Amino acid sequence: QVLLVESGGGVVQAGGSLRLPCIASGSTFTFNSMAWYRQGPGKQRELVARITSDGSTNYADSVKGRFTISRNNAETTVYLQMNSLKPEDTAVYYCTARFLFKDFWGQGTQVTVSS
């Protein structure tokens, strides 16, 4: 059973930084990609950043230049480094991992940015 566990969320002032790790366990295969999504209050869930197995990355326009997605060599942990945080970044952040056409999701971690 694949399990994804996020951590690192919390309350931070605008302009601050947070680093979110997501640890994957229970898989016997290499994920095609891993990603971070977020869902803010009253908003739809949106893609924040994705990293593929070959290391390619893509970002939402709203976080380009501020957020960085990375992973460890074993491809079992994915990180989201968030800098220059804004109040509009407040959301529950979810880690996902994709294998073929199946997506696995974590339980989410709350990030709150105060102004």
C-alpha atoms as a PDB file:
ATOM      1  CA  GLN A   1       0.000   0.000   0.000  1.00  0.00           C
ATOM      2  CA  VAL A   2       1.425   3.338  -1.089  1.00  0.00           C
ATOM      3  CA  LEU A   3       1.485   5.988   1.617  1.00  0.00           C
ATOM      4  CA  LEU A   4       2.398   9.656   1.196  1.00  0.00           C
ATOM      5  CA  VAL A   5       3.006  11.741   4.292  1.00  0.00           C
ATOM      6  CA  GLU A   6       3.455  15.513   4.131  1.00  0.00           C
ATOM      7  CA  SER A   7       4.868  17.695   6.888  1.00  0.00           C
ATOM      8  CA  GLY A   8       6.399  21.121   7.371  1.00  0.00           C
ATOM      9  CA  GLY A   9       3.270  23.225   7.284  1.00  0.00           C
ATOM     10  CA  GLY A  10       2.559  25.986   9.742  1.00  0.00           C
ATOM     11  CA  VAL A  11       1.997  29.696  10.186  1.00  0.00           C
ATOM     12  CA  VAL A  12       4.493  32.120   8.664  1.00  0.00           C
ATOM     13  CA  GLN A  13       4.566  35.847   8.062  1.00  0.00           C
ATOM     14  CA  ALA A  14       4.399  37.249   4.565  1.00  0.00           C
ATOM     15  CA  GLY A  15       7.841  37.232   2.990  1.00  0.00           C
ATOM     16  CA  GLY A  16       8.889  34.191   4.975  1.00  0.00           C
ATOM     17  CA  SER A  17       9.825  30.688   3.861  1.00  0.00           C
ATOM     18  CA  LEU A  18       8.737  27.125   4.488  1.00  0.00           C
ATOM     19  CA  ARG A  19       9.964  23.772   3.228  1.00  0.00           C
ATOM     20  CA  LEU A  20       7.465  20.964   2.813  1.00  0.00           C
ATOM     21  CA  PRO A  21       8.754  17.393   2.616  1.00  0.00           C
ATOM     22  CA  CYS A  22       6.628  14.481   1.421  1.00  0.00           C
ATOM     23  CA  ILE A  23       7.791  10.961   2.124  1.00  0.00           C
ATOM     24  CA  ALA A  24       6.492   8.091   0.028  1.00  0.00           C
ATOM     25  CA  SER A  25       6.528   4.513   1.254  1.00  0.00           C
ATOM     26  CA  GLY A  26       5.093   1.148   0.324  1.00  0.00           C
ATOM     27  CA  SER A  27       5.740   1.288  -3.426  1.00  0.00           C
ATOM     28  CA  THR A  28       7.636  -1.348  -5.374  1.00  0.00           C
ATOM     29  CA  PHE A  29       7.849   0.826  -8.479  1.00  0.00           C
ATOM     30  CA  THR A  30       9.279   4.194  -9.493  1.00  0.00           C
ATOM     31  CA  PHE A  31       6.734   6.955  -9.787  1.00  0.00           C
ATOM     32  CA  ASN A  32       6.388   8.634 -13.160  1.00  0.00           C
ATOM     33  CA  SER A  33       6.064  11.976 -11.422  1.00  0.00           C
ATOM     34  CA  MET A  34       5.459  13.601  -8.074  1.00  0.00           C
ATOM     35  CA  ALA A  35       3.703  16.882  -7.499  1.00  0.00           C
ATOM     36  CA  TRP A  36       2.312  19.376  -5.045  1.00  0.00           C
ATOM     37  CA  TYR A  37      -1.231  20.675  -5.234  1.00  0.00           C
ATOM     38  CA  ARG A  38      -2.971  23.167  -2.989  1.00  0.00           C
ATOM     39  CA  GLN A  39      -6.500  24.169  -2.105  1.00  0.00           C
ATOM     40  CA  GLY A  40      -7.110  27.566  -0.602  1.00  0.00           C
ATOM     41  CA  PRO A  41     -10.248  28.649   1.284  1.00  0.00           C
ATOM     42  CA  GLY A  42     -13.179  28.678  -1.120  1.00  0.00           C
ATOM     43  CA  LYS A  43     -10.958  27.752  -4.049  1.00  0.00           C
ATOM     44  CA  GLN A  44     -10.523  24.733  -6.273  1.00  0.00           C
ATOM     45  CA  ARG A  45      -7.529  22.479  -5.874  1.00  0.00           C
ATOM     46  CA  GLU A  46      -4.726  23.575  -8.188  1.00  0.00           C
ATOM     47  CA  LEU A  47      -1.379  22.243  -9.324  1.00  0.00           C
ATOM     48  CA  VAL A  48       1.548  24.064  -7.730  1.00  0.00           C
ATOM     49  CA  ALA A  49       4.558  22.170  -9.079  1.00  0.00           C
ATOM     50  CA  ARG A  50       5.450  18.830 -10.643  1.00  0.00           C
ATOM     51  CA  ILE A  51       8.683  16.908 -11.085  1.00  0.00           C
ATOM     52  CA  THR A  52       9.006  13.920 -13.400  1.00  0.00           C
ATOM     53  CA  SER A  53      11.225  10.889 -13.083  1.00  0.00           C
ATOM     54  CA  ASP A  54      13.754  12.480 -15.467  1.00  0.00           C
ATOM     55  CA  GLY A  55      13.906  15.610 -13.323  1.00  0.00           C
ATOM     56  CA  SER A  56      11.821  17.917 -15.488  1.00  0.00           C
ATOM     57  CA  THR A  57       9.785  20.444 -13.539  1.00  0.00           C
ATOM     58  CA  ASN A  58       6.867  22.737 -14.168  1.00  0.00           C
ATOM     59  CA  TYR A  59       5.221  25.352 -11.969  1.00  0.00           C
ATOM     60  CA  ALA A  60       2.034  27.319 -11.697  1.00  0.00           C
ATOM     61  CA  ASP A  61       2.567  30.865 -12.926  1.00  0.00           C
ATOM     62  CA  SER A  62       1.649  32.203  -9.490  1.00  0.00           C
ATOM     63  CA  VAL A  63       4.626  30.523  -7.817  1.00  0.00           C
ATOM     64  CA  LYS A  64       7.325  30.694 -10.498  1.00  0.00           C
ATOM     65  CA  GLY A  65      10.507  32.205  -9.125  1.00  0.00           C
ATOM     66  CA  ARG A  66       9.377  31.701  -5.530  1.00  0.00           C
ATOM     67  CA  PHE A  67       8.814  27.947  -5.135  1.00  0.00           C
ATOM     68  CA  THR A  68      11.147  25.090  -6.000  1.00  0.00           C
ATOM     69  CA  ILE A  69      10.258  21.411  -6.232  1.00  0.00           C
ATOM     70  CA  SER A  70      12.963  18.790  -5.799  1.00  0.00           C
ATOM     71  CA  ARG A  71      13.348  15.150  -4.862  1.00  0.00           C
ATOM     72  CA  ASN A  72      15.927  12.828  -3.402  1.00  0.00           C
ATOM     73  CA  ASN A  73      17.883  10.366  -5.548  1.00  0.00           C
ATOM     74  CA  ALA A  74      15.802   7.414  -4.415  1.00  0.00           C
ATOM     75  CA  GLU A  75      12.724   9.323  -5.617  1.00  0.00           C
ATOM     76  CA  THR A  76      10.966   8.542  -2.357  1.00  0.00           C
ATOM     77  CA  THR A  77      10.865  12.078  -1.013  1.00  0.00           C
ATOM     78  CA  VAL A  78       9.747  15.223  -2.746  1.00  0.00           C
ATOM     79  CA  TYR A  79      10.256  18.712  -1.343  1.00  0.00           C
ATOM     80  CA  LEU A  80       8.587  22.031  -1.941  1.00  0.00           C
ATOM     81  CA  GLN A  81      10.739  25.004  -0.970  1.00  0.00           C
ATOM     82  CA  MET A  82       8.522  28.062  -0.648  1.00  0.00           C
ATOM     83  CA  ASN A  83      10.111  31.495  -0.449  1.00  0.00           C
ATOM     84  CA  SER A  84       8.682  35.019  -0.445  1.00  0.00           C
ATOM     85  CA  LEU A  85       5.371  33.668   0.769  1.00  0.00           C
ATOM     86  CA  LYS A  86       2.232  35.722   0.266  1.00  0.00           C
ATOM     87  CA  PRO A  87      -1.116  35.618   2.068  1.00  0.00           C
ATOM     88  CA  GLU A  88      -2.666  34.190  -1.100  1.00  0.00           C
ATOM     89  CA  ASP A  89      -0.418  31.134  -0.701  1.00  0.00           C
ATOM     90  CA  THR A  90      -2.512  30.149   2.313  1.00  0.00           C
ATOM     91  CA  ALA A  91      -3.891  26.691   1.573  1.00  0.00           C
ATOM     92  CA  VAL A  92      -3.791  23.022   2.370  1.00  0.00           C
ATOM     93  CA  TYR A  93      -0.882  21.585   0.409  1.00  0.00           C
ATOM     94  CA  TYR A  94      -1.166  18.037  -0.903  1.00  0.00           C
ATOM     95  CA  CYS A  95       1.542  15.747  -2.182  1.00  0.00           C
ATOM     96  CA  THR A  96       0.743  13.375  -5.038  1.00  0.00           C
ATOM     97  CA  ALA A  97       2.590  10.622  -6.838  1.00  0.00           C
ATOM     98  CA  ARG A  98       1.661   9.145 -10.206  1.00  0.00           C
ATOM     99  CA  PHE A  99       2.340   5.672 -11.504  1.00  0.00           C
ATOM    100  CA  LEU A 100       0.975   5.017 -14.994  1.00  0.00           C
ATOM    101  CA  PHE A 101      -2.587   6.374 -14.762  1.00  0.00           C
ATOM    102  CA  LYS A 102      -3.036   6.102 -11.003  1.00  0.00           C
ATOM    103  CA  ASP A 103      -2.545   9.011  -8.598  1.00  0.00           C
ATOM    104  CA  PHE A 104      -1.761   8.561  -4.928  1.00  0.00           C
ATOM    105  CA  TRP A 105      -2.485  11.413  -2.484  1.00  0.00           C
ATOM    106  CA  GLY A 106      -1.285  12.452   0.924  1.00  0.00           C
ATOM    107  CA  GLN A 107      -3.506  13.823   3.658  1.00  0.00           C
ATOM    108  CA  GLY A 108      -2.336  17.414   3.251  1.00  0.00           C
ATOM    109  CA  THR A 109      -0.556  19.958   5.407  1.00  0.00           C
ATOM    110  CA  GLN A 110      -1.874  23.432   6.248  1.00  0.00           C
ATOM    111  CA  VAL A 111       0.148  26.499   5.323  1.00  0.00           C
ATOM    112  CA  THR A 112      -1.053  29.843   6.623  1.00  0.00           C
ATOM    113  CA  VAL A 113       0.643  33.083   5.588  1.00  0.00           C
ATOM    114  CA  SER A 114      -0.195  36.099   7.730  1.00  0.00           C
ATOM    115  CA  SER A 115       0.009  39.637   6.413  1.00  0.00           C
END
